[in-house]
Amino acid sequence: MNASGMGMRLMLDILTNILAEFWSVLGAMSPYLLFGFLVAGVLSVYISTEVVRRHLGGKGLLPVLKASLFGVPLPLCSCGVIPVSASLRKQGASKGATTAFLLSTPQTGVDSIFVTLSLLGPVFAIFRPIVALLTGFIGGSLVAIHEDDGQEIQQKPECTCETGACMVHPKGKKLVQVFKYGFVTLAGDIAKPLFFGLMAAALISALIPQDFFAESLGTGFLAKLLLMAVGIPIYVCATASVPLAAALIAIGVSPGAAFVFLMTGPATNIATIATVWKVMGRRTAVIYLLTTAGCALLFGTILDAIYTATARTAAPYMPWMLPPSLKTVAAVLLLAVLAWSMYASKHVHHEPIPKDREAKMLKLNVTGMTCSHCVAAVTSALKGCQGVETVDVDLKTGKALVDGKDLDVEALCNAVVEVGYGCNLDAKPAQAE
């Protein structure tokens, strides 16, 4: 065989290995992720923002603890949690409770817990939500201790929404809402990052030799610092980060170092830090960032000690293994769900507005939206403003069309800014003849 033929054979082998790794990870996580979607849908319907809000007001550490507990199972990413937190704060939640919610919520959710169980085993799956709870409580408590009494309750803004910023499902039969949120809305939100996470994991597993990381950098504190430096500024979905962590462990990263990435990646990013600074203030933003970094390093070290003491490995154990046929069926079903959710988010949920009507509507440019929760937050904020009759927000274009009487552009944009997004007037509506 000539050099050209050998090169083609090598490339084909590499591609085959990448696809095999992709399918292997997809099959392992699919049954658990599908079940996680179902549980997330149930939580979305039966635990509303209004229920959460009632428990987060008042002073002391009890609201902080409640906020941490509420945040752990909710499937909100670091961008989606911002408008919900801003809404909670405006409705009377303390800064401490709001910070606790901000810290605990994006680190994990019911969907990512099940995926963690499928790829990293029960120790990781139990440890991760416990740390999310503790991190939220620690950070929220630090903010509560330094919180000024006079800042406990904010003045109610001109624009309000009584239903809460994270009510993303329309009215109707609850069972339909459960499946619509879990298998369309949530699935559509994580489809792209999940795909890229799976591809990155497959590339790492196929191209980098086992124990490469341990031999080149080691598995100690330096590895944790490096992965923390990578995780803090970037946005990584809590679910999509799990296959990445599993791939890192396979090439020699310690479980604790992988956990540092699992925690800091979903918990925060540059945009989230900037928004927290704007919405909650400088001191809260600093505490938020330092708590994330400090707890990631601390609990990553503890996790390494647990695995060393128990002589376990961060991998699925036999009780959690499923038959290959079930994995294959679940993988095909998950791909179908993700494909449909992405199609539905573009072609089903957003109905075009007639051109003559659109020309008369107020057009706003909204920046910072990344998922359906963002759209729901902006829609909810605008609908709460005086004179607003209808609102249409398009995630793809970043446009918000508002119709109503005697609309105040400044009040509308302020309402959007208050839930964590940028806003400016795109164009004035055409005058009716």
Foldseek 3Di string as FASTA:
>chain_A
DDPVVVVVVVVVVLVVLLVVLLLVLLLLQLVLLLVLLLVLLVCLLPPFLLNLLVQQADADLRSLLSLLVVQQAHQAFLLLLLLQLLQSQQSQGFLLSSLLNLQLRQLHHSSQLSSLCRFFNDVCSVLRNVLSSVLSSVLSVVCRVVDDPVSRHDDRAQFHFPRGLQNLFDDDDSVVSSCCCSLFASLQLCLVLLVVLSSLLSSLQSPAAAQQCCVPPRADLVLLVVLLVVQQAEAHGLNSLSSVLSSVVRNNHANLSSQLNSNRNRSHHPLSLVLCCVQVHDVSSVSSVCSSNVSSSVVSVVVSVVCVVVVDGRGHDDVSDDDSVSSVVSSVVSVVSSVVSNVCLVPPPADDDDPVVQLQWWKKAKPSDRGSSLVSSLQSLQVRHPFWDDWHADRVRRMITTDGPPDDQVSSQVSSVSSRIHMDTDDHHDDDD
